[in-house]
N, C-alpha and C. Protein backbone atom coordinates (compact mmCIF):
# COMPACT_ATOMS: atom_id res chain seq x y z
N MET A 1 -88.14 30.18 32.49
CA MET A 1 -86.70 30.17 32.67
C MET A 1 -86.18 31.60 32.33
N THR A 2 -85.38 32.17 33.23
CA THR A 2 -84.89 33.54 33.03
C THR A 2 -83.69 33.51 32.08
N ASP A 3 -83.31 34.71 31.62
CA ASP A 3 -82.15 34.81 30.75
C ASP A 3 -80.88 34.38 31.47
N LYS A 4 -80.82 34.65 32.78
CA LYS A 4 -79.61 34.27 33.53
C LYS A 4 -79.42 32.76 33.59
N THR A 5 -80.52 32.01 33.77
CA THR A 5 -80.40 30.53 33.85
C THR A 5 -80.18 29.95 32.49
N LYS A 6 -80.59 30.67 31.39
CA LYS A 6 -80.36 30.14 30.05
C LYS A 6 -78.88 30.26 29.58
N ARG A 7 -78.22 31.28 30.11
CA ARG A 7 -76.82 31.53 29.73
C ARG A 7 -75.97 30.33 30.12
N LYS A 8 -75.04 30.02 29.23
CA LYS A 8 -74.04 28.96 29.56
C LYS A 8 -73.04 29.54 30.58
N ARG A 9 -72.78 28.71 31.54
CA ARG A 9 -71.83 29.15 32.57
C ARG A 9 -70.39 29.00 32.06
N ASN A 10 -69.57 30.05 32.19
CA ASN A 10 -68.24 30.01 31.79
C ASN A 10 -67.34 29.97 33.04
N ASN A 11 -66.35 29.13 33.10
CA ASN A 11 -65.45 29.15 34.19
C ASN A 11 -64.26 30.02 33.84
N PHE A 12 -63.84 30.83 34.73
CA PHE A 12 -62.74 31.77 34.56
C PHE A 12 -61.55 31.43 35.40
N LEU A 13 -60.38 31.34 34.78
CA LEU A 13 -59.19 31.01 35.49
C LEU A 13 -58.14 32.10 35.26
N SER A 14 -57.50 32.51 36.33
CA SER A 14 -56.53 33.58 36.20
C SER A 14 -55.21 33.15 36.88
N PHE A 15 -54.08 33.42 36.22
CA PHE A 15 -52.81 33.13 36.83
C PHE A 15 -51.72 34.00 36.22
N ARG A 16 -50.60 34.14 36.92
CA ARG A 16 -49.52 34.94 36.47
C ARG A 16 -48.55 34.13 35.62
N VAL A 17 -47.94 34.80 34.60
CA VAL A 17 -46.94 34.13 33.82
C VAL A 17 -45.70 35.04 33.75
N SER A 18 -44.56 34.47 33.46
CA SER A 18 -43.30 35.22 33.41
C SER A 18 -43.32 36.10 32.15
N GLU A 19 -42.43 37.12 32.06
CA GLU A 19 -42.32 37.98 30.89
C GLU A 19 -41.95 37.12 29.66
N LYS A 20 -41.07 36.14 29.82
CA LYS A 20 -40.66 35.27 28.69
C LYS A 20 -41.86 34.49 28.15
N THR A 21 -42.67 33.90 29.12
CA THR A 21 -43.81 33.12 28.68
C THR A 21 -44.81 34.00 27.96
N LEU A 22 -45.02 35.21 28.47
CA LEU A 22 -45.95 36.16 27.82
C LEU A 22 -45.45 36.57 26.44
N LYS A 23 -44.11 36.79 26.30
CA LYS A 23 -43.57 37.16 25.03
C LYS A 23 -43.77 35.99 24.03
N ASN A 24 -43.54 34.75 24.46
CA ASN A 24 -43.76 33.62 23.56
C ASN A 24 -45.21 33.41 23.26
N LEU A 25 -46.07 33.69 24.15
CA LEU A 25 -47.48 33.54 23.92
C LEU A 25 -47.96 34.57 22.88
N ASN A 26 -47.45 35.83 23.05
CA ASN A 26 -47.76 36.88 22.02
C ASN A 26 -47.30 36.52 20.70
N LEU A 27 -46.07 35.93 20.64
CA LEU A 27 -45.50 35.58 19.30
C LEU A 27 -46.34 34.46 18.67
N MET A 28 -46.71 33.41 19.41
CA MET A 28 -47.51 32.36 18.93
C MET A 28 -48.87 32.82 18.46
N ALA A 29 -49.46 33.71 19.27
CA ALA A 29 -50.79 34.29 18.91
C ALA A 29 -50.72 35.04 17.59
N LYS A 30 -49.65 35.81 17.44
CA LYS A 30 -49.50 36.54 16.18
C LYS A 30 -49.30 35.63 15.00
N GLN A 31 -48.50 34.57 15.17
CA GLN A 31 -48.22 33.65 14.09
C GLN A 31 -49.40 32.88 13.64
N THR A 32 -50.30 32.55 14.65
CA THR A 32 -51.47 31.67 14.32
C THR A 32 -52.71 32.51 14.06
N GLY A 33 -52.66 33.77 14.43
CA GLY A 33 -53.87 34.61 14.24
C GLY A 33 -54.95 34.35 15.28
N LYS A 34 -54.57 33.82 16.45
CA LYS A 34 -55.48 33.50 17.51
C LYS A 34 -55.18 34.54 18.62
N THR A 35 -56.21 34.71 19.55
CA THR A 35 -56.05 35.55 20.71
C THR A 35 -55.16 34.83 21.75
N ARG A 36 -54.62 35.63 22.68
CA ARG A 36 -53.80 35.03 23.74
C ARG A 36 -54.68 34.09 24.57
N GLY A 37 -55.91 34.44 24.81
CA GLY A 37 -56.83 33.65 25.59
C GLY A 37 -57.09 32.28 24.98
N ILE A 38 -57.34 32.30 23.66
CA ILE A 38 -57.55 30.99 22.94
C ILE A 38 -56.27 30.21 22.97
N MET A 39 -55.13 30.87 22.74
CA MET A 39 -53.84 30.12 22.76
C MET A 39 -53.62 29.47 24.12
N GLY A 40 -53.84 30.19 25.15
CA GLY A 40 -53.65 29.67 26.49
C GLY A 40 -54.59 28.50 26.81
N LYS A 41 -55.90 28.69 26.36
CA LYS A 41 -56.87 27.66 26.56
C LYS A 41 -56.49 26.37 25.82
N ASP A 42 -56.08 26.53 24.53
CA ASP A 42 -55.65 25.38 23.75
C ASP A 42 -54.43 24.69 24.36
N ALA A 43 -53.44 25.50 24.78
CA ALA A 43 -52.23 24.86 25.33
C ALA A 43 -52.56 24.07 26.60
N MET A 44 -53.44 24.65 27.45
CA MET A 44 -53.79 23.86 28.69
C MET A 44 -54.57 22.62 28.35
N LYS A 45 -55.50 22.74 27.45
CA LYS A 45 -56.33 21.58 27.02
C LYS A 45 -55.42 20.46 26.45
N ASN A 46 -54.53 20.84 25.55
CA ASN A 46 -53.67 19.85 24.92
C ASN A 46 -52.71 19.18 25.92
N TRP A 47 -52.15 20.05 26.87
CA TRP A 47 -51.29 19.51 27.84
C TRP A 47 -52.02 18.54 28.80
N LEU A 48 -53.20 18.93 29.22
CA LEU A 48 -53.99 18.05 30.13
C LEU A 48 -54.35 16.72 29.42
N LYS A 49 -54.74 16.80 28.17
CA LYS A 49 -55.12 15.62 27.42
C LYS A 49 -53.93 14.66 27.36
N LEU A 50 -52.74 15.16 27.03
CA LEU A 50 -51.56 14.30 26.93
C LEU A 50 -51.14 13.78 28.30
N GLU A 51 -51.18 14.65 29.30
CA GLU A 51 -50.78 14.20 30.70
C GLU A 51 -51.72 13.12 31.17
N LEU A 52 -53.07 13.32 31.02
CA LEU A 52 -53.98 12.28 31.46
C LEU A 52 -53.86 10.99 30.67
N PHE A 53 -53.59 11.10 29.37
CA PHE A 53 -53.36 9.95 28.54
C PHE A 53 -52.15 9.13 29.05
N ASN A 54 -51.06 9.88 29.33
CA ASN A 54 -49.81 9.25 29.85
C ASN A 54 -50.05 8.56 31.17
N GLN A 55 -50.77 9.19 32.05
CA GLN A 55 -51.05 8.63 33.37
C GLN A 55 -51.97 7.39 33.32
N THR A 56 -53.04 7.53 32.47
CA THR A 56 -54.00 6.43 32.39
C THR A 56 -53.36 5.19 31.74
N ASN A 57 -52.41 5.36 30.84
CA ASN A 57 -51.84 4.24 30.10
C ASN A 57 -50.46 3.93 30.55
N GLU A 58 -50.07 4.48 31.75
CA GLU A 58 -48.80 4.16 32.37
C GLU A 58 -47.56 4.43 31.40
N MET A 59 -47.64 5.54 30.84
CA MET A 59 -46.57 5.96 29.91
C MET A 59 -45.68 7.02 30.48
N ILE A 60 -44.48 7.10 29.94
CA ILE A 60 -43.56 8.17 30.32
C ILE A 60 -43.16 8.93 29.11
N THR A 61 -42.73 10.15 29.24
CA THR A 61 -42.29 10.95 28.14
C THR A 61 -40.81 11.02 28.12
N ILE A 62 -40.20 10.74 26.96
CA ILE A 62 -38.76 10.91 26.79
C ILE A 62 -38.50 11.86 25.60
N SER A 63 -37.33 12.40 25.57
CA SER A 63 -37.01 13.36 24.50
C SER A 63 -36.86 12.59 23.14
N LYS A 64 -37.01 13.36 22.07
CA LYS A 64 -36.87 12.74 20.74
C LYS A 64 -35.48 12.25 20.60
N ARG A 65 -34.46 13.01 21.05
CA ARG A 65 -33.10 12.57 20.89
C ARG A 65 -32.85 11.23 21.57
N MET A 66 -33.43 11.10 22.79
CA MET A 66 -33.24 9.82 23.56
C MET A 66 -33.96 8.69 22.83
N PHE A 67 -35.16 8.97 22.36
CA PHE A 67 -35.92 7.97 21.64
C PHE A 67 -35.16 7.46 20.42
N THR A 68 -34.60 8.44 19.64
CA THR A 68 -33.84 8.09 18.44
C THR A 68 -32.59 7.25 18.81
N LYS A 69 -31.93 7.65 19.89
CA LYS A 69 -30.71 6.89 20.38
C LYS A 69 -31.15 5.46 20.74
N LEU A 70 -32.22 5.33 21.43
CA LEU A 70 -32.62 3.95 21.83
C LEU A 70 -32.94 3.12 20.57
N LEU A 71 -33.64 3.72 19.57
CA LEU A 71 -33.95 2.99 18.37
C LEU A 71 -32.68 2.58 17.60
N SER A 72 -31.63 3.43 17.61
CA SER A 72 -30.40 3.14 16.93
C SER A 72 -29.61 1.99 17.50
N LEU A 73 -29.89 1.71 18.75
CA LEU A 73 -29.16 0.57 19.44
C LEU A 73 -29.75 -0.79 19.18
N LEU A 74 -30.94 -0.78 18.52
CA LEU A 74 -31.65 -2.04 18.29
C LEU A 74 -31.34 -2.66 16.94
N LYS A 75 -31.32 -3.96 16.89
CA LYS A 75 -31.20 -4.69 15.61
C LYS A 75 -32.56 -4.70 14.99
N GLN A 76 -32.62 -5.01 13.67
CA GLN A 76 -33.88 -4.94 12.94
C GLN A 76 -34.98 -5.82 13.59
N GLU A 77 -34.66 -7.04 14.06
CA GLU A 77 -35.66 -7.88 14.69
C GLU A 77 -36.21 -7.24 15.98
N GLU A 78 -35.32 -6.65 16.76
CA GLU A 78 -35.75 -6.01 18.01
C GLU A 78 -36.60 -4.78 17.71
N LEU A 79 -36.20 -4.03 16.66
CA LEU A 79 -36.93 -2.85 16.29
C LEU A 79 -38.36 -3.29 15.86
N ASN A 80 -38.47 -4.31 15.08
CA ASN A 80 -39.80 -4.81 14.66
C ASN A 80 -40.58 -5.29 15.84
N ALA A 81 -39.95 -5.98 16.81
CA ALA A 81 -40.68 -6.50 17.99
C ALA A 81 -41.21 -5.37 18.79
N ILE A 82 -40.45 -4.31 18.99
CA ILE A 82 -40.93 -3.18 19.81
C ILE A 82 -42.06 -2.46 19.03
N ALA A 83 -41.94 -2.36 17.73
CA ALA A 83 -43.02 -1.73 16.91
C ALA A 83 -44.28 -2.52 17.06
N GLU A 84 -44.18 -3.84 17.05
CA GLU A 84 -45.33 -4.70 17.20
C GLU A 84 -45.98 -4.63 18.59
N ASP A 85 -45.15 -4.59 19.63
CA ASP A 85 -45.65 -4.38 20.99
C ASP A 85 -46.39 -3.06 21.12
N ASN A 86 -45.79 -1.96 20.49
CA ASN A 86 -46.44 -0.67 20.55
C ASN A 86 -47.76 -0.65 19.79
N SER A 87 -47.86 -1.40 18.67
CA SER A 87 -49.08 -1.45 17.89
C SER A 87 -50.19 -2.13 18.69
N THR A 88 -49.82 -3.13 19.45
CA THR A 88 -50.80 -3.78 20.36
C THR A 88 -51.27 -2.90 21.43
N LEU A 89 -50.34 -2.14 22.06
CA LEU A 89 -50.70 -1.17 23.08
C LEU A 89 -51.61 -0.11 22.53
N PHE A 90 -51.27 0.42 21.38
CA PHE A 90 -52.07 1.49 20.77
C PHE A 90 -53.44 0.96 20.43
N ALA A 91 -53.50 -0.27 19.90
CA ALA A 91 -54.82 -0.84 19.51
C ALA A 91 -55.66 -1.02 20.74
N ASN A 92 -55.11 -1.40 21.88
CA ASN A 92 -55.85 -1.54 23.12
C ASN A 92 -56.39 -0.16 23.59
N ILE A 93 -55.61 0.83 23.37
CA ILE A 93 -56.06 2.19 23.80
C ILE A 93 -57.24 2.62 22.89
N LEU A 94 -57.19 2.23 21.62
CA LEU A 94 -58.19 2.68 20.63
C LEU A 94 -59.44 1.76 20.57
N LYS A 95 -59.44 0.67 21.31
CA LYS A 95 -60.52 -0.36 21.18
C LYS A 95 -61.91 0.20 21.42
N PHE A 96 -62.04 1.26 22.18
CA PHE A 96 -63.34 1.78 22.49
C PHE A 96 -63.70 2.92 21.49
N LEU A 97 -62.72 3.34 20.65
CA LEU A 97 -62.97 4.48 19.73
C LEU A 97 -63.23 3.94 18.35
N VAL A 98 -62.59 2.83 17.96
CA VAL A 98 -62.69 2.37 16.55
C VAL A 98 -63.36 1.03 16.43
N GLU A 99 -64.31 0.98 15.54
CA GLU A 99 -64.96 -0.31 15.28
C GLU A 99 -64.04 -1.20 14.45
N VAL A 100 -64.10 -2.50 14.65
CA VAL A 100 -63.34 -3.43 13.88
C VAL A 100 -64.30 -4.40 13.23
N PRO A 101 -64.24 -4.61 11.93
CA PRO A 101 -63.40 -3.89 10.98
C PRO A 101 -63.84 -2.50 10.79
N MET A 102 -62.95 -1.58 10.38
CA MET A 102 -63.24 -0.20 10.19
C MET A 102 -64.26 0.03 9.08
N ASN A 103 -65.05 1.00 9.22
CA ASN A 103 -65.94 1.44 8.16
C ASN A 103 -65.60 2.90 7.83
N GLU A 104 -66.34 3.54 6.97
CA GLU A 104 -65.98 4.88 6.54
C GLU A 104 -66.09 5.88 7.67
N ASP A 105 -67.08 5.77 8.52
CA ASP A 105 -67.24 6.76 9.61
C ASP A 105 -66.16 6.56 10.65
N THR A 106 -65.87 5.32 11.08
CA THR A 106 -64.84 5.14 12.10
C THR A 106 -63.42 5.42 11.55
N LEU A 107 -63.27 5.25 10.27
CA LEU A 107 -61.96 5.59 9.63
C LEU A 107 -61.68 7.08 9.75
N LYS A 108 -62.71 7.89 9.57
CA LYS A 108 -62.54 9.36 9.74
C LYS A 108 -62.24 9.70 11.20
N LYS A 109 -62.97 9.06 12.13
CA LYS A 109 -62.70 9.32 13.55
C LYS A 109 -61.27 8.92 13.92
N TYR A 110 -60.83 7.79 13.38
CA TYR A 110 -59.51 7.30 13.61
C TYR A 110 -58.45 8.25 13.06
N GLY A 111 -58.70 8.77 11.84
CA GLY A 111 -57.79 9.72 11.17
C GLY A 111 -57.64 10.96 11.98
N THR A 112 -58.71 11.47 12.48
CA THR A 112 -58.65 12.73 13.28
C THR A 112 -57.89 12.44 14.60
N PHE A 113 -58.17 11.34 15.26
CA PHE A 113 -57.45 11.04 16.47
C PHE A 113 -56.00 10.84 16.29
N SER A 114 -55.61 10.13 15.18
CA SER A 114 -54.18 9.86 14.89
C SER A 114 -53.44 11.16 14.62
N THR A 115 -54.09 12.06 13.89
CA THR A 115 -53.44 13.36 13.59
C THR A 115 -53.11 14.04 14.86
N GLU A 116 -54.06 14.08 15.81
CA GLU A 116 -53.79 14.76 17.05
C GLU A 116 -52.78 14.00 17.91
N PHE A 117 -52.86 12.68 17.91
CA PHE A 117 -52.03 11.89 18.79
C PHE A 117 -50.54 11.87 18.38
N PHE A 118 -50.30 11.76 17.07
CA PHE A 118 -48.89 11.70 16.65
C PHE A 118 -48.33 13.07 16.24
N GLY A 119 -49.21 14.08 16.10
CA GLY A 119 -48.78 15.40 15.62
C GLY A 119 -48.39 16.31 16.76
N LYS A 120 -48.69 17.58 16.46
CA LYS A 120 -48.19 18.69 17.35
C LYS A 120 -48.87 18.73 18.71
N THR A 121 -50.10 18.18 18.84
CA THR A 121 -50.79 18.29 20.12
C THR A 121 -50.63 17.00 20.94
N GLY A 122 -49.95 15.99 20.41
CA GLY A 122 -49.76 14.76 21.13
C GLY A 122 -48.35 14.40 21.34
N PHE A 123 -47.89 13.28 20.84
CA PHE A 123 -46.50 12.81 20.99
C PHE A 123 -45.46 13.73 20.31
N ARG A 124 -45.94 14.47 19.31
CA ARG A 124 -45.05 15.34 18.53
C ARG A 124 -43.99 14.52 17.79
N TRP A 125 -44.34 13.35 17.33
CA TRP A 125 -43.39 12.53 16.54
C TRP A 125 -43.21 13.12 15.16
N PHE A 126 -44.23 13.85 14.68
CA PHE A 126 -44.16 14.43 13.33
C PHE A 126 -44.30 15.92 13.34
N ASN A 127 -43.45 16.57 12.56
CA ASN A 127 -43.51 18.00 12.44
C ASN A 127 -44.76 18.44 11.65
N THR A 128 -44.99 17.72 10.56
CA THR A 128 -46.23 17.90 9.76
C THR A 128 -46.84 16.54 9.55
N LEU A 129 -48.11 16.46 9.67
CA LEU A 129 -48.83 15.18 9.55
C LEU A 129 -50.12 15.41 8.80
N ASP A 130 -50.32 14.59 7.77
CA ASP A 130 -51.58 14.70 6.99
C ASP A 130 -52.11 13.31 6.80
N ILE A 131 -53.32 13.10 7.32
CA ILE A 131 -54.00 11.84 7.18
C ILE A 131 -55.32 12.13 6.46
N GLN A 132 -55.43 11.59 5.27
CA GLN A 132 -56.63 11.81 4.50
C GLN A 132 -57.37 10.52 4.37
N ILE A 133 -58.69 10.66 4.34
CA ILE A 133 -59.61 9.56 4.15
C ILE A 133 -60.39 9.80 2.89
N ARG A 134 -60.19 8.89 1.89
CA ARG A 134 -60.86 9.06 0.59
C ARG A 134 -61.29 7.68 0.09
N GLU A 135 -62.59 7.53 -0.19
CA GLU A 135 -63.12 6.34 -0.80
C GLU A 135 -62.62 5.09 -0.08
N ASN A 136 -62.87 5.04 1.25
CA ASN A 136 -62.47 3.88 2.08
C ASN A 136 -61.01 3.63 2.06
N ARG A 137 -60.22 4.64 1.94
CA ARG A 137 -58.78 4.57 1.98
C ARG A 137 -58.23 5.58 2.97
N LEU A 138 -57.17 5.17 3.67
CA LEU A 138 -56.47 6.07 4.62
C LEU A 138 -55.08 6.29 4.02
N ILE A 139 -54.73 7.56 3.77
CA ILE A 139 -53.44 7.96 3.30
C ILE A 139 -52.72 8.72 4.38
N PHE A 140 -51.59 8.14 4.76
CA PHE A 140 -50.77 8.74 5.87
C PHE A 140 -49.52 9.35 5.26
N LYS A 141 -49.34 10.64 5.56
CA LYS A 141 -48.12 11.35 5.09
C LYS A 141 -47.57 12.06 6.27
N GLY A 142 -46.38 11.70 6.74
CA GLY A 142 -45.81 12.40 7.88
C GLY A 142 -44.33 12.76 7.69
N LEU A 143 -44.00 13.94 8.07
CA LEU A 143 -42.64 14.46 7.94
C LEU A 143 -42.08 14.65 9.39
N HIS A 144 -40.94 14.09 9.68
CA HIS A 144 -40.33 14.18 11.01
C HIS A 144 -38.95 14.61 10.95
N ASP A 145 -38.33 14.99 12.10
CA ASP A 145 -36.95 15.41 12.13
C ASP A 145 -36.04 14.38 12.85
N LEU A 146 -36.55 13.12 12.90
CA LEU A 146 -35.73 12.06 13.49
C LEU A 146 -34.91 11.37 12.37
N ASP A 147 -34.46 10.17 12.62
CA ASP A 147 -33.64 9.50 11.56
C ASP A 147 -34.36 8.36 10.89
N GLU A 148 -33.61 7.63 10.08
CA GLU A 148 -34.20 6.54 9.31
C GLU A 148 -34.67 5.40 10.20
N ASN A 149 -34.02 5.20 11.40
CA ASN A 149 -34.45 4.17 12.33
C ASN A 149 -35.88 4.48 12.75
N PHE A 150 -36.20 5.73 13.03
CA PHE A 150 -37.55 6.05 13.41
C PHE A 150 -38.56 5.76 12.31
N SER A 151 -38.17 6.16 11.04
CA SER A 151 -39.04 5.82 9.92
C SER A 151 -39.30 4.32 9.79
N THR A 152 -38.25 3.50 9.98
CA THR A 152 -38.39 2.04 9.99
C THR A 152 -39.32 1.57 11.11
N PHE A 153 -39.09 2.06 12.27
CA PHE A 153 -39.90 1.73 13.47
C PHE A 153 -41.36 2.10 13.27
N PHE A 154 -41.63 3.37 12.80
CA PHE A 154 -42.98 3.84 12.74
C PHE A 154 -43.70 3.11 11.60
N THR A 155 -43.02 2.92 10.48
CA THR A 155 -43.66 2.22 9.32
C THR A 155 -44.08 0.85 9.75
N HIS A 156 -43.20 0.11 10.43
CA HIS A 156 -43.58 -1.21 10.85
C HIS A 156 -44.73 -1.21 11.92
N PHE A 157 -44.64 -0.24 12.83
CA PHE A 157 -45.67 -0.06 13.84
C PHE A 157 -47.03 0.23 13.17
N TYR A 158 -47.06 1.14 12.27
CA TYR A 158 -48.31 1.61 11.69
C TYR A 158 -48.92 0.52 10.74
N LYS A 159 -48.04 -0.17 9.99
CA LYS A 159 -48.53 -1.21 9.16
C LYS A 159 -49.11 -2.33 10.03
N LYS A 160 -48.43 -2.73 11.09
CA LYS A 160 -48.95 -3.78 11.97
C LYS A 160 -50.24 -3.34 12.61
N LEU A 161 -50.30 -2.12 13.06
CA LEU A 161 -51.48 -1.57 13.73
C LEU A 161 -52.76 -1.66 12.80
N LEU A 162 -52.54 -1.18 11.63
CA LEU A 162 -53.72 -1.06 10.72
C LEU A 162 -54.07 -2.40 10.02
N THR A 163 -53.06 -3.18 9.71
CA THR A 163 -53.41 -4.44 9.04
C THR A 163 -53.88 -5.52 9.99
N ASP A 164 -53.19 -5.70 11.16
CA ASP A 164 -53.53 -6.76 12.07
C ASP A 164 -54.68 -6.41 13.00
N HIS A 165 -54.68 -5.19 13.52
CA HIS A 165 -55.62 -4.81 14.54
C HIS A 165 -56.90 -4.20 13.99
N PHE A 166 -56.75 -3.52 12.85
CA PHE A 166 -57.98 -2.75 12.32
C PHE A 166 -58.38 -3.23 10.96
N ASN A 167 -57.84 -4.34 10.49
CA ASN A 167 -58.39 -5.04 9.33
C ASN A 167 -58.30 -4.19 8.06
N LEU A 168 -57.20 -3.43 7.89
CA LEU A 168 -57.00 -2.67 6.65
C LEU A 168 -55.90 -3.37 5.88
N ASP A 169 -55.87 -3.17 4.55
CA ASP A 169 -54.88 -3.73 3.67
C ASP A 169 -53.88 -2.61 3.35
N ILE A 170 -52.55 -2.93 3.42
CA ILE A 170 -51.59 -1.95 2.89
C ILE A 170 -51.68 -1.92 1.36
N VAL A 171 -51.86 -0.75 0.82
CA VAL A 171 -51.97 -0.62 -0.61
C VAL A 171 -50.66 -0.15 -1.24
N GLU A 172 -50.06 0.89 -0.61
CA GLU A 172 -48.85 1.44 -1.15
C GLU A 172 -47.92 1.88 -0.02
N HIS A 173 -46.66 1.73 -0.23
CA HIS A 173 -45.66 2.14 0.73
C HIS A 173 -44.47 2.77 0.01
N GLU A 174 -44.34 4.03 0.09
CA GLU A 174 -43.21 4.74 -0.59
C GLU A 174 -42.09 4.84 0.42
N GLN A 175 -40.99 4.13 0.19
CA GLN A 175 -39.92 4.15 1.16
C GLN A 175 -38.78 5.01 0.76
N ASP A 176 -38.55 5.19 -0.52
CA ASP A 176 -37.32 5.84 -0.92
C ASP A 176 -37.44 7.32 -1.22
N LEU A 177 -38.51 7.94 -0.73
CA LEU A 177 -38.77 9.35 -0.96
C LEU A 177 -37.73 10.21 -0.19
N SER A 178 -37.64 9.98 1.10
CA SER A 178 -36.74 10.68 2.01
C SER A 178 -36.71 9.93 3.34
N PRO A 179 -35.57 9.91 4.03
CA PRO A 179 -35.52 9.23 5.32
C PRO A 179 -36.47 9.81 6.38
N GLN A 180 -36.84 11.08 6.17
CA GLN A 180 -37.76 11.76 7.13
C GLN A 180 -39.18 11.81 6.70
N LEU A 181 -39.51 11.26 5.54
CA LEU A 181 -40.92 11.28 5.08
C LEU A 181 -41.45 9.84 5.05
N ILE A 182 -42.61 9.71 5.72
CA ILE A 182 -43.32 8.44 5.69
C ILE A 182 -44.57 8.57 4.91
N LEU A 183 -44.78 7.74 3.91
CA LEU A 183 -46.01 7.81 3.08
C LEU A 183 -46.52 6.39 2.95
N LEU A 184 -47.75 6.22 3.53
CA LEU A 184 -48.40 4.89 3.51
C LEU A 184 -49.83 5.10 3.05
N GLU A 185 -50.38 4.03 2.37
CA GLU A 185 -51.76 4.08 1.99
C GLU A 185 -52.38 2.74 2.34
N PHE A 186 -53.56 2.81 2.93
CA PHE A 186 -54.33 1.61 3.38
C PHE A 186 -55.72 1.66 2.77
N ALA A 187 -56.29 0.45 2.58
CA ALA A 187 -57.66 0.37 2.14
C ALA A 187 -58.49 -0.49 3.08
N VAL A 188 -59.74 -0.18 3.24
CA VAL A 188 -60.62 -1.04 4.02
C VAL A 188 -60.80 -2.33 3.30
N LYS A 189 -60.64 -3.47 4.01
CA LYS A 189 -60.79 -4.77 3.40
C LYS A 189 -62.23 -4.93 2.93
N ASN A 190 -62.40 -5.56 1.79
CA ASN A 190 -63.75 -5.86 1.27
C ASN A 190 -64.29 -7.10 2.03
N THR A 191 -65.31 -6.88 2.81
CA THR A 191 -65.83 -8.02 3.63
C THR A 191 -66.83 -8.83 2.88
N GLY A 192 -67.15 -8.40 1.63
CA GLY A 192 -68.09 -9.15 0.81
C GLY A 192 -69.55 -8.91 1.06
N LYS A 193 -69.82 -7.89 1.89
CA LYS A 193 -71.21 -7.55 2.27
C LYS A 193 -71.77 -6.60 1.31
């Protein structure tokens, strides 16, 4: 085998961008310490991942303001019902990724996926999101710029998702910290094995 056939083939893509886009790209590259090429590659990868996810799962994208307005129009029972419907939808999406009941390995995989999905590279529901896996526990800490209705919706959604669909127990739920901060802790159920 020659050196040429051993080398990994790289695909090269070239396109023009506006001055404003280039200025924003330069700013983001400087802030993150990444090259423009890496920033562009990451942006395209993240956009394609979300776009394919939306198409595959028949979803649409709406603005945060519109989503918040829709949640504010709902009564508590309706809010809970929508959260439960969403938890079932999300569980169906994850059924090939996460073993049920969860174990330590799949819990880590789920934590990584959730951080990407709800954070800056996915739905962008949270400005900062930290999901830690420690001693068969999942600790979810998310800060958002929406309102208390969103916190209520997401807390109910996430509790339903992890307790009903993925067999985790809610351990702790801090509600009175701040309307924009969600802090939840779950533990893997003891199966007696």
